[in-house]
Amino acid sequence: MTARTPNFTGWRVVILAEDDSNTEKLRRHLTLLGVSASLQWLPLSGDDLPDLVIVDADRGWDELLPWARRKPARPVAALLGSEAPGRIAWAIDCGAASFIPKPVSVSTIYPALVLAVTAHEQRLEDEARIAKLEERLKLRPIVFAAVNRLKIERQIDDEQAYVLLRTCAMRRRIPIEQLAALLVGGLETLCEAG
């Protein structure tokens, strides 16, 4: 992932906190960043999620956010004035990737938003990469079956069969697992390879 600094102009942010001097300062600064910020102290609806969520970690509760623990649907930053390990753990469980300390200082807001967004994007990329790798891992028995079939048909060893399968997949520009599935399913032959 290439790090980039987001432009928050036009973003919609929900601050899950009670109205006080911290949220007032936060909303004022978000407006200067071009962000449309709303304040609520009710659970966030999963129907119309904002671009980013800022949650009061000192007073928040589990049902405040509509997603599973550590699986935020949007970037999350936490307002935090407490050093209580339980409150920090709760914020992390909610998906908070950055903290805005209380009392709110204007200089902490933008970096916290950037960190929350960057960490969220990285998590999504990592999850997609892991899912792809897990899918490929599930298809390994098919690759093994294709290699065995090539060994028998061509009277070659494991390594030669795998190289043949890999070379044909690269020539066709398809994943080796896809070619292996076609070969095992009888939908494909490797007639172009020696």
C-alpha atoms as a PDB file:
ATOM      1  CA  MET A   1       0.000   0.000   0.000  1.00  0.00           C
ATOM      2  CA  THR A   2       1.277   3.416  -0.917  1.00  0.00           C
ATOM      3  CA  ALA A   3       0.687   5.890   1.869  1.00  0.00           C
ATOM      4  CA  ARG A   4      -1.270   8.925   0.826  1.00  0.00           C
ATOM      5  CA  THR A   5      -2.734  11.741   2.818  1.00  0.00           C
ATOM      6  CA  PRO A   6      -6.492  11.844   2.296  1.00  0.00           C
ATOM      7  CA  ASN A   7      -8.434  14.979   1.552  1.00  0.00           C
ATOM      8  CA  PHE A   8     -11.468  14.974   3.825  1.00  0.00           C
ATOM      9  CA  THR A   9     -13.420  17.628   1.914  1.00  0.00           C
ATOM     10  CA  GLY A  10     -16.986  16.425   1.436  1.00  0.00           C
ATOM     11  CA  TRP A  11     -16.674  13.578   3.924  1.00  0.00           C
ATOM     12  CA  ARG A  12     -19.468  12.803   6.353  1.00  0.00           C
ATOM     13  CA  VAL A  13     -18.388  12.072   9.925  1.00  0.00           C
ATOM     14  CA  VAL A  14     -20.517  10.971  12.841  1.00  0.00           C
ATOM     15  CA  ILE A  15     -19.244  11.753  16.315  1.00  0.00           C
ATOM     16  CA  LEU A  16     -20.708   9.299  18.814  1.00  0.00           C
ATOM     17  CA  ALA A  17     -20.468  11.372  21.981  1.00  0.00           C
ATOM     18  CA  GLU A  18     -22.394  13.753  24.172  1.00  0.00           C
ATOM     19  CA  ASP A  19     -22.225  17.457  23.436  1.00  0.00           C
ATOM     20  CA  ASP A  20     -19.448  19.141  25.428  1.00  0.00           C
ATOM     21  CA  SER A  21     -16.464  21.454  24.906  1.00  0.00           C
ATOM     22  CA  ASN A  22     -14.427  18.624  23.347  1.00  0.00           C
ATOM     23  CA  THR A  23     -17.035  17.750  20.746  1.00  0.00           C
ATOM     24  CA  GLU A  24     -17.652  21.442  20.066  1.00  0.00           C
ATOM     25  CA  LYS A  25     -13.964  22.013  19.307  1.00  0.00           C
ATOM     26  CA  LEU A  26     -13.865  18.810  17.261  1.00  0.00           C
ATOM     27  CA  ARG A  27     -16.885  19.787  15.150  1.00  0.00           C
ATOM     28  CA  ARG A  28     -15.505  23.290  14.558  1.00  0.00           C
ATOM     29  CA  HIS A  29     -12.189  21.915  13.298  1.00  0.00           C
ATOM     30  CA  LEU A  30     -13.852  19.236  11.150  1.00  0.00           C
ATOM     31  CA  THR A  31     -15.865  21.988   9.478  1.00  0.00           C
ATOM     32  CA  LEU A  32     -12.604  23.789   8.654  1.00  0.00           C
ATOM     33  CA  LEU A  33     -11.384  20.554   7.026  1.00  0.00           C
ATOM     34  CA  GLY A  34     -14.495  20.526   4.811  1.00  0.00           C
ATOM     35  CA  VAL A  35     -16.146  17.707   6.726  1.00  0.00           C
ATOM     36  CA  SER A  36     -19.853  17.486   7.439  1.00  0.00           C
ATOM     37  CA  ALA A  37     -19.910  16.395  11.091  1.00  0.00           C
ATOM     38  CA  SER A  38     -22.937  15.336  13.083  1.00  0.00           C
ATOM     39  CA  LEU A  39     -23.112  14.516  16.763  1.00  0.00           C
ATOM     40  CA  GLN A  40     -25.241  11.782  18.281  1.00  0.00           C
ATOM     41  CA  TRP A  41     -25.273   9.734  21.444  1.00  0.00           C
ATOM     42  CA  LEU A  42     -27.396   6.922  20.075  1.00  0.00           C
ATOM     43  CA  PRO A  43     -26.261   3.703  18.404  1.00  0.00           C
ATOM     44  CA  LEU A  44     -25.093   4.166  14.833  1.00  0.00           C
ATOM     45  CA  SER A  45     -27.407   2.699  12.203  1.00  0.00           C
ATOM     46  CA  GLY A  46     -25.885   0.187   9.813  1.00  0.00           C
ATOM     47  CA  ASP A  47     -28.140   1.429   7.009  1.00  0.00           C
ATOM     48  CA  ASP A  48     -26.507   4.772   6.247  1.00  0.00           C
ATOM     49  CA  LEU A  49     -22.927   4.697   7.463  1.00  0.00           C
ATOM     50  CA  PRO A  50     -20.791   7.846   7.378  1.00  0.00           C
ATOM     51  CA  ASP A  51     -17.329   7.995   5.803  1.00  0.00           C
ATOM     52  CA  LEU A  52     -15.660   7.997   9.231  1.00  0.00           C
ATOM     53  CA  VAL A  53     -16.731   7.513  12.843  1.00  0.00           C
ATOM     54  CA  ILE A  54     -15.338   9.205  15.923  1.00  0.00           C
ATOM     55  CA  VAL A  55     -16.467   7.507  19.127  1.00  0.00           C
ATOM     56  CA  ASP A  56     -16.151   8.551  22.767  1.00  0.00           C
ATOM     57  CA  ALA A  57     -14.186   5.629  24.166  1.00  0.00           C
ATOM     58  CA  ASP A  58     -14.487   6.856  27.739  1.00  0.00           C
ATOM     59  CA  ARG A  59     -18.237   6.333  27.802  1.00  0.00           C
ATOM     60  CA  GLY A  60     -19.034   4.103  24.829  1.00  0.00           C
ATOM     61  CA  TRP A  61     -20.812   0.754  25.004  1.00  0.00           C
ATOM     62  CA  ASP A  62     -20.796  -2.340  22.787  1.00  0.00           C
ATOM     63  CA  GLU A  63     -24.066  -1.700  20.925  1.00  0.00           C
ATOM     64  CA  LEU A  64     -22.999   1.813  19.902  1.00  0.00           C
ATOM     65  CA  LEU A  65     -21.474   0.567  16.644  1.00  0.00           C
ATOM     66  CA  PRO A  66     -23.245  -1.758  14.171  1.00  0.00           C
ATOM     67  CA  TRP A  67     -20.318  -4.028  13.322  1.00  0.00           C
ATOM     68  CA  ALA A  68     -18.603  -7.016  14.886  1.00  0.00           C
ATOM     69  CA  ARG A  69     -15.636  -6.580  17.182  1.00  0.00           C
ATOM     70  CA  ARG A  70     -12.472  -5.528  15.351  1.00  0.00           C
ATOM     71  CA  LYS A  71     -14.318  -5.536  12.015  1.00  0.00           C
ATOM     72  CA  PRO A  72     -15.182  -1.876  11.431  1.00  0.00           C
ATOM     73  CA  ALA A  73     -17.149  -1.086   8.301  1.00  0.00           C
ATOM     74  CA  ARG A  74     -15.680   2.424   8.309  1.00  0.00           C
ATOM     75  CA  PRO A  75     -12.523   4.084   9.655  1.00  0.00           C
ATOM     76  CA  VAL A  76     -12.783   4.770  13.387  1.00  0.00           C
ATOM     77  CA  ALA A  77     -10.988   7.254  15.637  1.00  0.00           C
ATOM     78  CA  ALA A  78     -11.612   7.316  19.378  1.00  0.00           C
ATOM     79  CA  LEU A  79     -11.944  10.283  21.721  1.00  0.00           C
ATOM     80  CA  LEU A  80     -10.106   9.268  24.865  1.00  0.00           C
ATOM     81  CA  GLY A  81      -9.332  11.017  28.117  1.00  0.00           C
ATOM     82  CA  SER A  82      -8.906   7.940  30.266  1.00  0.00           C
ATOM     83  CA  GLU A  83      -5.843   5.776  30.727  1.00  0.00           C
ATOM     84  CA  ALA A  84      -7.990   2.836  31.813  1.00  0.00           C
ATOM     85  CA  PRO A  85      -6.831  -0.305  29.990  1.00  0.00           C
ATOM     86  CA  GLY A  86     -10.445  -1.469  29.637  1.00  0.00           C
ATOM     87  CA  ARG A  87     -11.461   1.706  27.794  1.00  0.00           C
ATOM     88  CA  ILE A  88      -8.449   1.479  25.480  1.00  0.00           C
ATOM     89  CA  ALA A  89      -9.222  -2.190  24.790  1.00  0.00           C
ATOM     90  CA  TRP A  90     -12.869  -1.323  24.113  1.00  0.00           C
ATOM     91  CA  ALA A  91     -11.813   1.326  21.574  1.00  0.00           C
ATOM     92  CA  ILE A  92      -9.508  -1.137  19.825  1.00  0.00           C
ATOM     93  CA  ASP A  93     -12.287  -3.753  19.764  1.00  0.00           C
ATOM     94  CA  CYS A  94     -14.541  -1.153  18.085  1.00  0.00           C
ATOM     95  CA  GLY A  95     -11.950  -0.804  15.346  1.00  0.00           C
ATOM     96  CA  ALA A  96     -10.375   2.459  16.462  1.00  0.00           C
ATOM     97  CA  ALA A  97      -7.039   2.833  14.725  1.00  0.00           C
ATOM     98  CA  SER A  98      -6.208   6.203  16.241  1.00  0.00           C
ATOM     99  CA  PHE A  99      -6.990   8.321  19.275  1.00  0.00           C
ATOM    100  CA  ILE A 100      -7.875  11.959  19.766  1.00  0.00           C
ATOM    101  CA  PRO A 101      -6.908  12.773  23.355  1.00  0.00           C
ATOM    102  CA  LYS A 102      -9.157  14.758  25.659  1.00  0.00           C
ATOM    103  CA  PRO A 103      -9.110  17.628  26.173  1.00  0.00           C
ATOM    104  CA  VAL A 104      -9.197  17.942  22.385  1.00  0.00           C
ATOM    105  CA  SER A 105      -6.329  19.853  20.837  1.00  0.00           C
ATOM    106  CA  VAL A 106      -6.789  20.979  17.250  1.00  0.00           C
ATOM    107  CA  SER A 107      -3.325  19.696  16.305  1.00  0.00           C
ATOM    108  CA  THR A 108      -4.329  16.094  17.106  1.00  0.00           C
ATOM    109  CA  ILE A 109      -7.459  15.883  14.968  1.00  0.00           C
ATOM    110  CA  TYR A 110      -6.120  15.726  11.403  1.00  0.00           C
ATOM    111  CA  PRO A 111      -3.325  13.205  12.169  1.00  0.00           C
ATOM    112  CA  ALA A 112      -5.842  10.983  13.990  1.00  0.00           C
ATOM    113  CA  LEU A 113      -8.177  11.019  10.984  1.00  0.00           C
ATOM    114  CA  VAL A 114      -5.328  10.229   8.577  1.00  0.00           C
ATOM    115  CA  LEU A 115      -4.151   7.327  10.749  1.00  0.00           C
ATOM    116  CA  ALA A 116      -7.689   5.938  11.123  1.00  0.00           C
ATOM    117  CA  VAL A 117      -8.298   6.027   7.356  1.00  0.00           C
ATOM    118  CA  THR A 118      -4.874   4.635   6.445  1.00  0.00           C
ATOM    119  CA  ALA A 119      -5.138   1.778   8.953  1.00  0.00           C
ATOM    120  CA  HIS A 120      -8.676   0.961   7.785  1.00  0.00           C
ATOM    121  CA  GLU A 121      -7.614   0.841   4.120  1.00  0.00           C
ATOM    122  CA  GLN A 122      -4.610  -1.323   5.016  1.00  0.00           C
ATOM    123  CA  ARG A 123      -6.831  -3.718   6.977  1.00  0.00           C
ATOM    124  CA  LEU A 124      -9.199  -4.065   4.016  1.00  0.00           C
ATOM    125  CA  GLU A 125      -6.280  -4.731   1.650  1.00  0.00           C
ATOM    126  CA  ASP A 126      -4.832  -7.303   4.056  1.00  0.00           C
ATOM    127  CA  GLU A 127      -8.189  -9.053   4.416  1.00  0.00           C
ATOM    128  CA  ALA A 128      -8.603  -9.224   0.632  1.00  0.00           C
ATOM    129  CA  ARG A 129      -5.077 -10.582   0.189  1.00  0.00           C
ATOM    130  CA  ILE A 130      -5.591 -13.189   2.916  1.00  0.00           C
ATOM    131  CA  ALA A 131      -8.930 -14.267   1.413  1.00  0.00           C
ATOM    132  CA  LYS A 132      -7.259 -14.693  -1.979  1.00  0.00           C
ATOM    133  CA  LEU A 133      -4.427 -16.722  -0.467  1.00  0.00           C
ATOM    134  CA  GLU A 134      -6.871 -18.873   1.496  1.00  0.00           C
ATOM    135  CA  GLU A 135      -8.828 -19.555  -1.690  1.00  0.00           C
ATOM    136  CA  ARG A 136      -5.646 -20.559  -3.478  1.00  0.00           C
ATOM    137  CA  LEU A 137      -4.727 -22.798  -0.553  1.00  0.00           C
ATOM    138  CA  LYS A 138      -8.110 -24.543  -0.788  1.00  0.00           C
ATOM    139  CA  LEU A 139      -7.394 -25.230  -4.465  1.00  0.00           C
ATOM    140  CA  ARG A 140      -4.008 -26.854  -3.759  1.00  0.00           C
ATOM    141  CA  PRO A 141      -5.458 -30.402  -3.859  1.00  0.00           C
ATOM    142  CA  ILE A 142      -6.679 -29.684  -7.396  1.00  0.00           C
ATOM    143  CA  VAL A 143      -3.189 -28.551  -8.411  1.00  0.00           C
ATOM    144  CA  PHE A 144      -1.802 -31.729  -6.844  1.00  0.00           C
ATOM    145  CA  ALA A 145      -4.329 -33.843  -8.803  1.00  0.00           C
ATOM    146  CA  ALA A 146      -3.404 -32.046 -12.045  1.00  0.00           C
ATOM    147  CA  VAL A 147       0.297 -32.636 -11.405  1.00  0.00           C
ATOM    148  CA  ASN A 148      -0.400 -36.330 -10.773  1.00  0.00           C
ATOM    149  CA  ARG A 149      -2.446 -36.567 -13.948  1.00  0.00           C
ATOM    150  CA  LEU A 150       0.351 -34.970 -15.989  1.00  0.00           C
ATOM    151  CA  LYS A 151       2.905 -37.312 -14.392  1.00  0.00           C
ATOM    152  CA  ILE A 152       0.924 -40.343 -15.466  1.00  0.00           C
ATOM    153  CA  GLU A 153      -0.047 -39.072 -18.932  1.00  0.00           C
ATOM    154  CA  ARG A 154       3.398 -37.729 -19.851  1.00  0.00           C
ATOM    155  CA  GLN A 155       5.571 -40.160 -17.879  1.00  0.00           C
ATOM    156  CA  ILE A 156       7.407 -37.309 -16.122  1.00  0.00           C
ATOM    157  CA  ASP A 157       8.307 -36.596 -12.510  1.00  0.00           C
ATOM    158  CA  ASP A 158       6.577 -34.245 -10.040  1.00  0.00           C
ATOM    159  CA  GLU A 159       8.819 -31.287 -10.729  1.00  0.00           C
ATOM    160  CA  GLN A 160       8.511 -31.554 -14.499  1.00  0.00           C
ATOM    161  CA  ALA A 161       4.730 -31.885 -14.263  1.00  0.00           C
ATOM    162  CA  TYR A 162       4.480 -28.820 -12.033  1.00  0.00           C
ATOM    163  CA  VAL A 163       6.764 -26.785 -14.315  1.00  0.00           C
ATOM    164  CA  LEU A 164       4.638 -27.809 -17.302  1.00  0.00           C
ATOM    165  CA  LEU A 165       1.422 -26.800 -15.531  1.00  0.00           C
ATOM    166  CA  ARG A 166       2.896 -23.507 -14.356  1.00  0.00           C
ATOM    167  CA  THR A 167       4.345 -22.672 -17.791  1.00  0.00           C
ATOM    168  CA  CYS A 168       1.020 -23.315 -19.524  1.00  0.00           C
ATOM    169  CA  ALA A 169      -0.840 -21.210 -16.952  1.00  0.00           C
ATOM    170  CA  MET A 170       1.613 -18.354 -17.434  1.00  0.00           C
ATOM    171  CA  ARG A 171       1.322 -18.549 -21.230  1.00  0.00           C
ATOM    172  CA  ARG A 172      -2.465 -18.394 -20.991  1.00  0.00           C
ATOM    173  CA  ARG A 173      -2.259 -15.729 -18.291  1.00  0.00           C
ATOM    174  CA  ILE A 174      -4.540 -17.559 -15.906  1.00  0.00           C
ATOM    175  CA  PRO A 175      -3.884 -18.728 -12.345  1.00  0.00           C
ATOM    176  CA  ILE A 176      -2.318 -22.176 -12.070  1.00  0.00           C
ATOM    177  CA  GLU A 177      -5.263 -23.244  -9.899  1.00  0.00           C
ATOM    178  CA  GLN A 178      -7.723 -22.364 -12.664  1.00  0.00           C
ATOM    179  CA  LEU A 179      -5.804 -24.319 -15.283  1.00  0.00           C
ATOM    180  CA  ALA A 180      -5.472 -27.252 -12.884  1.00  0.00           C
ATOM    181  CA  ALA A 181      -9.251 -27.270 -12.304  1.00  0.00           C
ATOM    182  CA  LEU A 182      -9.886 -27.254 -16.058  1.00  0.00           C
ATOM    183  CA  LEU A 183      -7.380 -30.071 -16.568  1.00  0.00           C
ATOM    184  CA  VAL A 184      -8.736 -32.241 -13.735  1.00  0.00           C
ATOM    185  CA  GLY A 185     -12.317 -31.584 -14.858  1.00  0.00           C
ATOM    186  CA  GLY A 186     -11.441 -32.821 -18.343  1.00  0.00           C
ATOM    187  CA  LEU A 187     -12.267 -29.451 -19.885  1.00  0.00           C
ATOM    188  CA  GLU A 188      -8.693 -28.751 -20.947  1.00  0.00           C
ATOM    189  CA  THR A 189      -5.636 -30.502 -22.264  1.00  0.00           C
ATOM    190  CA  LEU A 190      -2.111 -29.221 -22.390  1.00  0.00           C
ATOM    191  CA  CYS A 191      -1.514 -30.080 -26.012  1.00  0.00           C
ATOM    192  CA  GLU A 192       0.565 -26.967 -26.703  1.00  0.00           C
ATOM    193  CA  ALA A 193       3.179 -27.944 -24.129  1.00  0.00           C
ATOM    194  CA  GLY A 194       5.804 -30.574 -24.946  1.00  0.00           C
END
